[in-house]
Amino acid sequence: MSAAEPYKVEHHDLGSNHKMPDVSTSSPSPPPQDDSTNTLILTGLHNDLFQSDFLNPLRKIFASFGEINQWVPLRSMVRIIIVYSYDEDAMRAKASCDELLNDLFDR
């Protein structure tokens, strides 16, 4: 995805040029049977989010779900990889973000 492409959230627009980032999960090893993972990947982010004024508060929000083992902002790929210490924390963060996005877009 290039920086010029719009954000992704299942093609729902917030009424401006900005859309909420897509939150997906990933695992470096074959996924366990229950599909749990300790990793979240935020994609489709705007370049402005990679300034410390935005990254620090965003990290605090995600840290509220549990201990973050790795916080990897990848500006060149316009994504952030978040690795929690426990699968349950990552899944809770994803569920909470999904719920927030559902509320915002009345899905």
N, C-alpha and C. Protein backbone atom coordinates (compact mmCIF):
# COMPACT_ATOMS: atom_id res chain seq x y z
N MET A 1 0.85 -1.17 0.00
CA MET A 1 0.00 0.00 0.00
C MET A 1 0.89 1.23 0.00
N SER A 2 0.68 2.15 -0.90
CA SER A 2 1.46 3.37 -0.93
C SER A 2 0.83 4.39 0.00
N ALA A 3 1.62 5.42 0.34
CA ALA A 3 1.13 6.45 1.26
C ALA A 3 -0.04 7.21 0.65
N ALA A 4 -0.17 7.20 -0.68
CA ALA A 4 -1.24 7.94 -1.32
C ALA A 4 -2.57 7.20 -1.27
N GLU A 5 -2.54 5.90 -0.99
CA GLU A 5 -3.78 5.14 -0.93
C GLU A 5 -4.53 5.47 0.35
N PRO A 6 -5.85 5.40 0.33
CA PRO A 6 -6.62 5.73 1.54
C PRO A 6 -6.48 4.64 2.60
N TYR A 7 -6.83 4.99 3.82
CA TYR A 7 -6.83 4.03 4.91
C TYR A 7 -7.84 2.94 4.61
N LYS A 8 -7.76 1.84 5.33
CA LYS A 8 -8.70 0.74 5.14
C LYS A 8 -9.45 0.46 6.42
N VAL A 9 -10.74 0.39 6.33
CA VAL A 9 -11.60 -0.17 7.37
C VAL A 9 -12.80 -0.71 6.64
N GLU A 10 -12.63 -1.80 6.00
CA GLU A 10 -13.69 -2.44 5.23
C GLU A 10 -14.50 -1.43 4.43
N HIS A 11 -13.82 -0.48 3.82
CA HIS A 11 -14.39 0.48 2.89
C HIS A 11 -15.46 1.40 3.48
N HIS A 12 -15.39 1.66 4.78
CA HIS A 12 -16.30 2.62 5.40
C HIS A 12 -15.58 3.95 5.53
N ASP A 13 -16.19 5.02 5.06
CA ASP A 13 -15.59 6.34 5.09
C ASP A 13 -16.12 7.12 6.27
N LEU A 14 -15.24 7.92 6.92
CA LEU A 14 -15.65 8.75 8.04
C LEU A 14 -16.20 10.10 7.59
N GLY A 15 -16.36 10.28 6.28
CA GLY A 15 -16.90 11.54 5.79
C GLY A 15 -15.82 12.54 5.45
N SER A 16 -14.56 12.13 5.48
CA SER A 16 -13.46 13.00 5.10
C SER A 16 -12.45 12.14 4.35
N ASN A 17 -11.27 12.67 4.17
CA ASN A 17 -10.22 11.90 3.50
C ASN A 17 -9.61 10.85 4.41
N HIS A 18 -9.96 10.86 5.69
CA HIS A 18 -9.35 9.95 6.64
C HIS A 18 -10.30 8.84 7.03
N LYS A 19 -9.76 7.64 7.13
CA LYS A 19 -10.50 6.48 7.61
C LYS A 19 -9.75 5.90 8.79
N MET A 20 -10.44 5.16 9.61
CA MET A 20 -9.81 4.51 10.75
C MET A 20 -8.89 3.40 10.23
N PRO A 21 -7.78 3.13 10.93
CA PRO A 21 -6.89 2.06 10.49
C PRO A 21 -7.54 0.69 10.65
N ASP A 22 -7.11 -0.22 9.80
CA ASP A 22 -7.56 -1.60 9.87
C ASP A 22 -6.69 -2.31 10.91
N VAL A 23 -7.28 -3.03 11.80
CA VAL A 23 -6.54 -3.77 12.82
C VAL A 23 -6.68 -5.25 12.49
N SER A 24 -5.55 -5.89 12.22
CA SER A 24 -5.59 -7.31 11.91
C SER A 24 -4.61 -8.04 12.80
N THR A 25 -4.75 -9.34 12.87
CA THR A 25 -3.84 -10.14 13.69
C THR A 25 -2.96 -10.99 12.80
N SER A 26 -1.80 -11.33 13.32
CA SER A 26 -0.86 -12.14 12.57
C SER A 26 -0.02 -12.93 13.57
N SER A 27 0.56 -14.02 13.11
CA SER A 27 1.43 -14.82 13.95
C SER A 27 2.60 -15.29 13.10
N PRO A 28 3.84 -15.20 13.61
CA PRO A 28 4.99 -15.62 12.82
C PRO A 28 5.06 -17.13 12.62
N SER A 29 4.44 -17.90 13.49
CA SER A 29 4.44 -19.35 13.36
C SER A 29 3.05 -19.79 12.90
N PRO A 30 2.91 -21.05 12.49
CA PRO A 30 1.57 -21.51 12.09
C PRO A 30 0.57 -21.23 13.20
N PRO A 31 -0.60 -20.69 12.84
CA PRO A 31 -1.56 -20.33 13.88
C PRO A 31 -2.04 -21.54 14.66
N PRO A 32 -2.25 -21.37 15.96
CA PRO A 32 -2.79 -22.48 16.75
C PRO A 32 -4.23 -22.77 16.33
N GLN A 33 -4.74 -23.88 16.76
CA GLN A 33 -6.09 -24.30 16.37
C GLN A 33 -7.15 -23.27 16.69
N ASP A 34 -6.99 -22.53 17.78
CA ASP A 34 -8.01 -21.56 18.18
C ASP A 34 -7.80 -20.19 17.55
N ASP A 35 -6.83 -20.04 16.67
CA ASP A 35 -6.53 -18.79 15.95
C ASP A 35 -6.12 -17.65 16.88
N SER A 36 -5.71 -17.93 18.10
CA SER A 36 -5.25 -16.86 18.97
C SER A 36 -3.83 -16.46 18.58
N THR A 37 -3.47 -15.22 18.85
CA THR A 37 -2.15 -14.70 18.53
C THR A 37 -1.82 -13.59 19.51
N ASN A 38 -0.55 -13.31 19.67
CA ASN A 38 -0.14 -12.22 20.54
C ASN A 38 0.22 -10.98 19.74
N THR A 39 -0.07 -10.98 18.44
CA THR A 39 0.39 -9.92 17.55
C THR A 39 -0.77 -9.22 16.85
N LEU A 40 -0.72 -7.89 16.85
CA LEU A 40 -1.65 -7.09 16.06
C LEU A 40 -0.84 -6.32 15.03
N ILE A 41 -1.44 -6.14 13.86
CA ILE A 41 -0.82 -5.32 12.83
C ILE A 41 -1.83 -4.26 12.42
N LEU A 42 -1.46 -3.01 12.65
CA LEU A 42 -2.32 -1.89 12.24
C LEU A 42 -1.86 -1.46 10.86
N THR A 43 -2.74 -1.52 9.89
CA THR A 43 -2.39 -1.17 8.52
C THR A 43 -3.21 0.01 8.04
N GLY A 44 -2.78 0.55 6.92
CA GLY A 44 -3.52 1.66 6.31
C GLY A 44 -3.47 2.93 7.13
N LEU A 45 -2.39 3.13 7.84
CA LEU A 45 -2.26 4.30 8.71
C LEU A 45 -1.81 5.52 7.91
N HIS A 46 -2.13 6.68 8.42
CA HIS A 46 -1.70 7.93 7.80
C HIS A 46 -0.29 8.25 8.27
N ASN A 47 0.52 8.82 7.41
CA ASN A 47 1.90 9.16 7.78
C ASN A 47 1.99 10.06 9.01
N ASP A 48 1.00 10.92 9.23
CA ASP A 48 1.01 11.82 10.39
C ASP A 48 1.03 11.06 11.71
N LEU A 49 0.51 9.83 11.73
CA LEU A 49 0.49 9.05 12.96
C LEU A 49 1.88 8.64 13.42
N PHE A 50 2.87 8.78 12.56
CA PHE A 50 4.22 8.34 12.91
C PHE A 50 5.04 9.43 13.57
N GLN A 51 4.41 10.53 13.95
CA GLN A 51 5.05 11.57 14.75
C GLN A 51 4.84 11.21 16.22
N SER A 52 5.80 11.56 17.06
CA SER A 52 5.72 11.16 18.47
C SER A 52 4.47 11.70 19.16
N ASP A 53 3.94 12.84 18.69
CA ASP A 53 2.71 13.39 19.27
C ASP A 53 1.55 12.41 19.15
N PHE A 54 1.58 11.56 18.15
CA PHE A 54 0.52 10.58 17.94
C PHE A 54 0.93 9.19 18.39
N LEU A 55 2.18 8.81 18.14
CA LEU A 55 2.63 7.45 18.48
C LEU A 55 2.59 7.18 19.97
N ASN A 56 3.04 8.11 20.77
CA ASN A 56 3.08 7.89 22.22
C ASN A 56 1.68 7.66 22.81
N PRO A 57 0.70 8.52 22.52
CA PRO A 57 -0.65 8.26 23.04
C PRO A 57 -1.25 6.98 22.47
N LEU A 58 -0.97 6.68 21.20
CA LEU A 58 -1.49 5.46 20.59
C LEU A 58 -0.92 4.23 21.31
N ARG A 59 0.37 4.27 21.62
CA ARG A 59 0.98 3.15 22.35
C ARG A 59 0.33 2.99 23.72
N LYS A 60 0.06 4.09 24.40
CA LYS A 60 -0.57 4.03 25.72
C LYS A 60 -1.95 3.39 25.63
N ILE A 61 -2.68 3.72 24.58
CA ILE A 61 -4.00 3.10 24.39
C ILE A 61 -3.86 1.59 24.27
N PHE A 62 -2.95 1.13 23.43
CA PHE A 62 -2.79 -0.31 23.24
C PHE A 62 -2.16 -0.97 24.46
N ALA A 63 -1.35 -0.25 25.21
CA ALA A 63 -0.78 -0.80 26.44
C ALA A 63 -1.83 -1.00 27.52
N SER A 64 -2.95 -0.30 27.39
CA SER A 64 -4.02 -0.46 28.39
C SER A 64 -4.65 -1.86 28.33
N PHE A 65 -4.39 -2.61 27.27
CA PHE A 65 -4.93 -3.97 27.13
C PHE A 65 -4.00 -5.03 27.69
N GLY A 66 -2.74 -4.66 27.94
CA GLY A 66 -1.80 -5.62 28.49
C GLY A 66 -0.37 -5.20 28.19
N GLU A 67 0.57 -5.98 28.70
CA GLU A 67 1.99 -5.68 28.53
C GLU A 67 2.39 -5.85 27.07
N ILE A 68 3.00 -4.80 26.51
CA ILE A 68 3.48 -4.85 25.13
C ILE A 68 4.93 -5.33 25.15
N ASN A 69 5.18 -6.41 24.44
CA ASN A 69 6.53 -6.97 24.33
C ASN A 69 7.32 -6.21 23.27
N GLN A 70 6.68 -5.92 22.14
CA GLN A 70 7.33 -5.20 21.04
C GLN A 70 6.34 -4.18 20.46
N TRP A 71 6.80 -2.96 20.24
CA TRP A 71 6.03 -1.90 19.58
C TRP A 71 6.88 -1.48 18.39
N VAL A 72 6.42 -1.79 17.17
CA VAL A 72 7.25 -1.59 15.99
C VAL A 72 6.52 -0.72 14.97
N PRO A 73 6.71 0.60 15.05
CA PRO A 73 6.15 1.48 14.02
C PRO A 73 7.01 1.38 12.76
N LEU A 74 6.39 1.06 11.65
CA LEU A 74 7.09 0.94 10.37
C LEU A 74 6.59 2.02 9.43
N ARG A 75 7.17 3.20 9.55
CA ARG A 75 6.70 4.34 8.77
C ARG A 75 6.74 4.07 7.27
N SER A 76 7.82 3.42 6.81
CA SER A 76 7.96 3.17 5.38
C SER A 76 6.87 2.23 4.85
N MET A 77 6.30 1.42 5.73
CA MET A 77 5.23 0.50 5.33
C MET A 77 3.87 0.97 5.85
N VAL A 78 3.84 2.16 6.45
CA VAL A 78 2.66 2.77 7.05
C VAL A 78 1.83 1.76 7.85
N ARG A 79 2.52 1.09 8.78
CA ARG A 79 1.86 0.14 9.67
C ARG A 79 2.60 0.08 11.00
N ILE A 80 1.92 -0.43 11.99
CA ILE A 80 2.51 -0.64 13.30
C ILE A 80 2.27 -2.10 13.69
N ILE A 81 3.32 -2.75 14.13
CA ILE A 81 3.20 -4.12 14.63
C ILE A 81 3.28 -4.05 16.15
N ILE A 82 2.30 -4.66 16.80
CA ILE A 82 2.25 -4.67 18.26
C ILE A 82 2.28 -6.13 18.70
N VAL A 83 3.28 -6.49 19.48
CA VAL A 83 3.39 -7.85 20.00
C VAL A 83 3.19 -7.77 21.51
N TYR A 84 2.14 -8.41 21.98
CA TYR A 84 1.84 -8.47 23.41
C TYR A 84 2.55 -9.66 24.03
N SER A 85 2.71 -9.62 25.34
CA SER A 85 3.30 -10.74 26.05
C SER A 85 2.37 -11.95 26.06
N TYR A 86 1.06 -11.70 25.99
CA TYR A 86 0.07 -12.78 26.06
C TYR A 86 -0.95 -12.66 24.94
N ASP A 87 -1.31 -13.81 24.38
CA ASP A 87 -2.32 -13.86 23.32
C ASP A 87 -3.61 -13.16 23.75
N GLU A 88 -4.03 -13.40 24.98
CA GLU A 88 -5.31 -12.88 25.46
C GLU A 88 -5.35 -11.35 25.40
N ASP A 89 -4.21 -10.71 25.67
CA ASP A 89 -4.16 -9.24 25.63
C ASP A 89 -4.34 -8.74 24.20
N ALA A 90 -3.67 -9.39 23.25
CA ALA A 90 -3.80 -8.99 21.85
C ALA A 90 -5.23 -9.21 21.35
N MET A 91 -5.81 -10.33 21.73
CA MET A 91 -7.17 -10.62 21.27
C MET A 91 -8.18 -9.65 21.90
N ARG A 92 -7.94 -9.27 23.15
CA ARG A 92 -8.81 -8.30 23.82
C ARG A 92 -8.68 -6.92 23.15
N ALA A 93 -7.46 -6.53 22.80
CA ALA A 93 -7.24 -5.25 22.11
C ALA A 93 -7.94 -5.25 20.76
N LYS A 94 -7.81 -6.35 20.02
CA LYS A 94 -8.47 -6.42 18.72
C LYS A 94 -9.99 -6.38 18.87
N ALA A 95 -10.50 -7.15 19.82
CA ALA A 95 -11.96 -7.16 20.03
C ALA A 95 -12.47 -5.77 20.40
N SER A 96 -11.73 -5.08 21.24
CA SER A 96 -12.13 -3.74 21.65
C SER A 96 -12.10 -2.78 20.47
N CYS A 97 -11.07 -2.87 19.65
CA CYS A 97 -10.98 -2.01 18.47
C CYS A 97 -12.08 -2.34 17.47
N ASP A 98 -12.34 -3.62 17.29
CA ASP A 98 -13.43 -4.03 16.39
C ASP A 98 -14.76 -3.48 16.89
N GLU A 99 -14.98 -3.55 18.21
CA GLU A 99 -16.22 -3.04 18.80
C GLU A 99 -16.33 -1.54 18.58
N LEU A 100 -15.23 -0.81 18.78
CA LEU A 100 -15.22 0.63 18.57
C LEU A 100 -15.55 0.96 17.12
N LEU A 101 -14.92 0.26 16.19
CA LEU A 101 -15.18 0.51 14.77
C LEU A 101 -16.62 0.16 14.41
N ASN A 102 -17.14 -0.92 14.97
CA ASN A 102 -18.54 -1.28 14.72
C ASN A 102 -19.46 -0.18 15.21
N ASP A 103 -19.18 0.37 16.38
CA ASP A 103 -20.00 1.46 16.92
C ASP A 103 -19.91 2.69 16.03
N LEU A 104 -18.71 2.99 15.56
CA LEU A 104 -18.53 4.18 14.71
C LEU A 104 -19.26 4.07 13.38
N PHE A 105 -19.29 2.86 12.84
CA PHE A 105 -19.85 2.68 11.51
C PHE A 105 -21.20 1.98 11.53
N ASP A 106 -21.75 1.73 12.71
CA ASP A 106 -23.07 1.09 12.84
C ASP A 106 -23.21 -0.14 11.95
N ARG A 107 -22.21 -1.02 12.02
CA ARG A 107 -22.25 -2.23 11.18
C ARG A 107 -23.17 -3.24 11.77
